[in-house]
Amino acid sequence: MHIMEGFLPTPWWQAWFAVSIPVILYGIHKMNRLVNEKREILPLLAVAGAFIFVLSSLKLPSVTGSCSHPTGTGIAAIIFGPAISAVLGTIVLLYQALFLAHGGFTTLGANVFSMGIVGPVAVYLVYKAGMKTKLNFYAVVFLATAFGDWATYVTTSVELALAYPAGGALTFAGFMSSFGKFAAVFAITQLPLAIMEGAVSALLFKYVVNVKSDILVEMKVLEDAVVRKLRGTSA
């Protein structure tokens, strides 16, 4: 991730567009409704988008000519949900493809699906499950964002393995062989990067809880009682 321009053959790059576009359109609908109802949320949307841009632009060398990077989508997924995160991710990926030669236009659908859809969905599900178990909020944020990062790269490995199965023919054995190789390439750098992203995300949420906790309550990220407990206050 990001899959570079022209790397995915037909019909795979078209297929990922077909899967991603409905989610993006739904996310645009949700974002417009949210902004119309809560104009004060615009600065936080901008910050979430900027966070995705900065973290996902930090390309680090992996092996065999590939690279790894954090995704940054976890914060947006927890606050706004996966659909709006997909829109923010699409904007970031489009900008990176246009101005930074990071990713590509034909591979935009695949990159959006892995980083903008699957990753945020994984973050959202882990976060909701973790909060139901009454785990520490910051620990849940750490686990959710780290797992979302890993989910993104597993999905990218799936996309590459489907396009380039071992032996040239798409069979289960060929797919699994290629998937194992792609996943192994990413794992060397992505495992520690995901841990780092989880820690940074937890620290960022600690700051938000201390200075702007009301927005988390309003967006139903946290209950007011949980915020008071985190801040060590009783009122």
Protein backbone atom coordinates (compact mmCIF):
# COMPACT_ATOMS: atom_id res chain seq x y z
CA MET A 1 0.00 0.00 0.00
CA HIS A 2 -0.42 2.20 -1.84
CA ILE A 3 -0.62 0.04 -5.00
CA MET A 4 1.14 2.04 -7.70
CA GLU A 5 -0.38 3.34 -10.93
CA GLY A 6 -0.99 0.69 -13.60
CA PHE A 7 0.03 -2.23 -11.38
CA LEU A 8 -3.36 -3.95 -11.29
CA PRO A 9 -4.49 -5.56 -14.55
CA THR A 10 -8.00 -5.76 -15.99
CA PRO A 11 -10.50 -6.70 -14.59
CA TRP A 12 -9.18 -6.21 -11.06
CA TRP A 13 -8.73 -2.45 -10.99
CA GLN A 14 -12.26 -2.00 -12.38
CA ALA A 15 -13.68 -4.48 -9.87
CA TRP A 16 -12.30 -2.57 -6.88
CA PHE A 17 -13.81 0.66 -8.20
CA ALA A 18 -17.18 -1.09 -8.50
CA VAL A 19 -16.96 -2.23 -4.86
CA SER A 20 -15.68 1.08 -3.47
CA ILE A 21 -17.86 3.65 -5.27
CA PRO A 22 -21.17 2.77 -3.52
CA VAL A 23 -19.50 3.08 -0.11
CA ILE A 24 -17.99 6.44 -1.05
CA LEU A 25 -21.35 7.75 -2.26
CA TYR A 26 -23.01 6.62 0.96
CA GLY A 27 -20.23 8.29 2.94
CA ILE A 28 -20.72 11.56 1.05
CA HIS A 29 -24.42 11.41 1.91
CA LYS A 30 -23.66 10.83 5.59
CA MET A 31 -21.03 13.56 5.66
CA ASN A 32 -23.34 16.13 4.07
CA ARG A 33 -26.09 15.31 6.55
CA LEU A 34 -23.67 15.52 9.48
CA VAL A 35 -22.26 18.88 8.35
CA ASN A 36 -25.74 20.30 7.80
CA GLU A 37 -26.83 19.25 11.27
CA LYS A 38 -23.58 20.11 13.09
CA ARG A 39 -21.58 22.84 11.36
CA GLU A 40 -19.24 22.98 14.35
CA ILE A 41 -17.91 19.56 13.38
CA LEU A 42 -16.14 20.90 10.26
CA PRO A 43 -12.81 21.69 11.99
CA LEU A 44 -12.67 18.17 13.46
CA LEU A 45 -13.39 16.68 10.03
CA ALA A 46 -10.53 18.72 8.61
CA VAL A 47 -8.17 17.60 11.38
CA ALA A 48 -9.13 13.95 10.86
CA GLY A 49 -8.46 14.28 7.13
CA ALA A 50 -5.12 15.99 7.76
CA PHE A 51 -4.15 13.21 10.19
CA ILE A 52 -4.84 10.60 7.50
CA PHE A 53 -2.83 12.57 4.96
CA VAL A 54 0.21 13.05 7.18
CA LEU A 55 0.44 9.49 8.48
CA SER A 56 -0.27 7.79 5.15
CA SER A 57 2.35 9.97 3.43
CA LEU A 58 5.13 8.65 5.67
CA LYS A 59 6.47 5.98 3.34
CA LEU A 60 9.02 3.68 4.94
CA PRO A 61 11.15 1.15 3.00
CA SER A 62 10.07 -2.46 3.27
CA VAL A 63 11.72 -5.21 1.21
CA THR A 64 11.75 -6.27 -2.46
CA GLY A 65 11.07 -2.70 -3.60
CA SER A 66 7.85 -2.15 -1.66
CA CYS A 67 7.06 0.31 1.12
CA SER A 68 4.90 0.48 4.21
CA HIS A 69 3.25 3.33 6.08
CA PRO A 70 0.65 4.03 8.78
CA THR A 71 -2.89 4.65 7.55
CA GLY A 72 -4.23 7.29 9.94
CA THR A 73 -7.86 6.32 9.33
CA GLY A 74 -8.52 4.98 12.82
CA ILE A 75 -9.25 8.35 14.44
CA ALA A 76 -11.86 9.21 11.79
CA ALA A 77 -13.42 5.74 11.97
CA ILE A 78 -13.93 5.97 15.73
CA ILE A 79 -15.36 9.50 15.68
CA PHE A 80 -17.32 9.57 12.39
CA GLY A 81 -17.76 5.92 11.43
CA PRO A 82 -16.42 3.91 8.48
CA ALA A 83 -18.47 5.54 5.69
CA ILE A 84 -17.26 9.09 6.35
CA SER A 85 -13.74 7.72 6.86
CA ALA A 86 -13.97 6.27 3.35
CA VAL A 87 -14.66 9.74 1.95
CA LEU A 88 -11.75 11.29 3.83
CA GLY A 89 -9.50 8.43 2.73
CA THR A 90 -10.57 8.87 -0.89
CA ILE A 91 -9.77 12.60 -0.82
CA VAL A 92 -6.33 11.89 0.66
CA LEU A 93 -5.54 9.08 -1.78
CA LEU A 94 -6.65 11.18 -4.76
CA TYR A 95 -4.46 14.08 -3.67
CA GLN A 96 -1.49 11.77 -3.09
CA ALA A 97 -1.89 10.16 -6.50
CA LEU A 98 -2.17 13.55 -8.21
CA PHE A 99 0.61 15.47 -6.47
CA LEU A 100 2.89 12.95 -4.75
CA ALA A 101 2.94 10.01 -7.18
CA HIS A 102 1.84 7.92 -4.19
CA GLY A 103 -0.59 5.29 -5.40
CA GLY A 104 -2.38 5.85 -8.70
CA PHE A 105 -5.61 6.67 -10.48
CA THR A 106 -6.37 3.24 -11.94
CA THR A 107 -5.54 1.67 -8.58
CA LEU A 108 -7.52 4.25 -6.59
CA GLY A 109 -10.47 1.90 -6.15
CA ALA A 110 -8.27 -0.83 -4.70
CA ASN A 111 -6.41 1.58 -2.43
CA VAL A 112 -9.66 3.11 -1.19
CA PHE A 113 -11.09 -0.33 -0.52
CA SER A 114 -8.13 -1.41 1.63
CA MET A 115 -7.23 1.84 3.40
CA GLY A 116 -10.50 3.74 3.26
CA ILE A 117 -13.07 0.97 3.74
CA VAL A 118 -11.76 -2.29 5.21
CA GLY A 119 -9.34 -0.61 7.64
CA PRO A 120 -11.94 1.79 9.10
CA VAL A 121 -14.57 -0.99 9.32
CA ALA A 122 -12.09 -3.11 11.28
CA VAL A 123 -11.28 -0.17 13.58
CA TYR A 124 -14.97 0.56 14.17
CA LEU A 125 -15.88 -3.04 14.96
CA VAL A 126 -12.94 -3.58 17.33
CA TYR A 127 -13.65 -0.26 19.05
CA LYS A 128 -17.33 -1.03 19.60
CA ALA A 129 -16.57 -4.54 20.82
CA GLY A 130 -13.82 -3.30 23.13
CA MET A 131 -16.00 -0.61 24.70
CA LYS A 132 -18.73 -3.17 25.41
CA THR A 133 -16.23 -5.21 27.42
CA LYS A 134 -15.51 -2.16 29.60
CA LEU A 135 -11.80 -2.16 28.75
CA ASN A 136 -9.81 1.01 29.30
CA PHE A 137 -10.74 3.52 26.59
CA TYR A 138 -7.17 4.25 25.54
CA ALA A 139 -6.33 0.55 25.39
CA VAL A 140 -9.35 0.02 23.13
CA VAL A 141 -8.26 2.88 20.85
CA PHE A 142 -4.77 1.39 20.67
CA LEU A 143 -6.05 -2.09 19.79
CA ALA A 144 -8.64 -0.84 17.30
CA THR A 145 -6.30 1.43 15.34
CA ALA A 146 -3.48 -1.12 15.29
CA PHE A 147 -5.85 -3.86 14.12
CA GLY A 148 -7.28 -1.54 11.45
CA ASP A 149 -3.78 -0.90 10.15
CA TRP A 150 -3.09 -4.62 9.90
CA ALA A 151 -6.47 -5.22 8.24
CA THR A 152 -5.57 -2.67 5.57
CA TYR A 153 -2.38 -4.49 4.67
CA VAL A 154 -3.97 -7.93 4.74
CA THR A 155 -6.55 -6.58 2.28
CA THR A 156 -3.82 -5.12 0.06
CA SER A 157 -2.11 -8.53 0.07
CA VAL A 158 -5.42 -10.11 -0.98
CA GLU A 159 -5.82 -7.60 -3.82
CA LEU A 160 -2.30 -8.27 -5.10
CA ALA A 161 -2.62 -12.04 -4.74
CA LEU A 162 -5.88 -12.06 -6.73
CA ALA A 163 -4.23 -10.07 -9.52
CA TYR A 164 -0.97 -12.04 -9.48
CA PRO A 165 -1.57 -15.61 -8.29
CA ALA A 166 1.37 -17.99 -8.32
CA GLY A 167 1.57 -19.87 -11.60
CA GLY A 168 -0.47 -17.22 -13.44
CA ALA A 169 -3.83 -18.96 -13.00
CA LEU A 170 -6.27 -17.95 -10.27
CA THR A 171 -6.56 -21.11 -8.23
CA PHE A 172 -6.85 -21.40 -4.46
CA ALA A 173 -3.32 -22.76 -4.18
CA GLY A 174 -1.95 -20.04 -6.45
CA PHE A 175 -3.78 -17.33 -4.54
CA MET A 176 -2.62 -18.58 -1.14
CA SER A 177 0.97 -18.87 -2.30
CA SER A 178 1.02 -15.28 -3.56
CA PHE A 179 -0.91 -14.01 -0.55
CA GLY A 180 1.64 -15.51 1.81
CA LYS A 181 4.49 -13.85 -0.06
CA PHE A 182 2.86 -10.41 -0.22
CA ALA A 183 1.76 -10.55 3.42
CA ALA A 184 5.24 -11.58 4.52
CA VAL A 185 6.76 -8.63 2.65
CA PHE A 186 4.48 -6.16 4.41
CA ALA A 187 4.63 -7.81 7.84
CA ILE A 188 8.31 -6.98 8.41
CA THR A 189 7.61 -3.26 8.65
CA GLN A 190 3.84 -3.16 9.17
CA LEU A 191 3.69 -5.01 12.46
CA PRO A 192 5.74 -2.38 14.33
CA LEU A 193 4.18 0.48 12.35
CA ALA A 194 0.69 -0.57 13.44
CA ILE A 195 1.79 -0.61 17.07
CA MET A 196 3.22 2.89 16.62
CA GLU A 197 -0.01 4.10 14.99
CA GLY A 198 -2.05 2.64 17.84
CA ALA A 199 0.07 4.46 20.42
CA VAL A 200 -0.10 7.79 18.55
CA SER A 201 -3.87 7.47 18.15
CA ALA A 202 -4.36 6.73 21.86
CA LEU A 203 -2.24 9.78 22.78
CA LEU A 204 -4.22 11.98 20.40
CA PHE A 205 -7.50 10.83 21.95
CA LYS A 206 -6.09 11.55 25.40
CA TYR A 207 -5.52 15.14 24.27
CA VAL A 208 -9.05 15.39 22.82
CA VAL A 209 -10.59 14.02 26.02
CA ASN A 210 -8.77 16.68 28.03
CA VAL A 211 -9.52 19.70 25.83
CA LYS A 212 -12.62 18.90 23.74
CA SER A 213 -14.41 16.01 25.39
CA ASP A 214 -17.84 17.47 24.64
CA ILE A 215 -17.46 16.65 20.95
CA LEU A 216 -16.82 12.98 21.78
CA VAL A 217 -19.99 12.87 23.85
CA GLU A 218 -21.97 14.65 21.12
CA MET A 219 -20.74 12.20 18.48
CA LYS A 220 -21.56 9.29 20.83
CA VAL A 221 -17.95 8.14 20.89
CA LEU A 222 -18.00 8.16 24.69
CA GLU A 223 -20.64 8.50 27.37
CA ASP A 224 -20.41 11.50 29.66
CA ALA A 225 -19.77 9.26 32.67
CA VAL A 226 -16.80 7.65 30.92
CA VAL A 227 -15.37 11.08 30.04
CA ARG A 228 -15.63 12.20 33.67
CA LYS A 229 -13.87 9.05 34.80
CA LEU A 230 -11.07 9.53 32.25
CA ARG A 231 -10.62 13.13 33.34
CA GLY A 232 -10.76 12.22 37.00
CA THR A 233 -13.71 14.46 37.74
CA SER A 234 -17.08 13.78 39.32
CA ALA A 235 -19.06 16.55 37.65
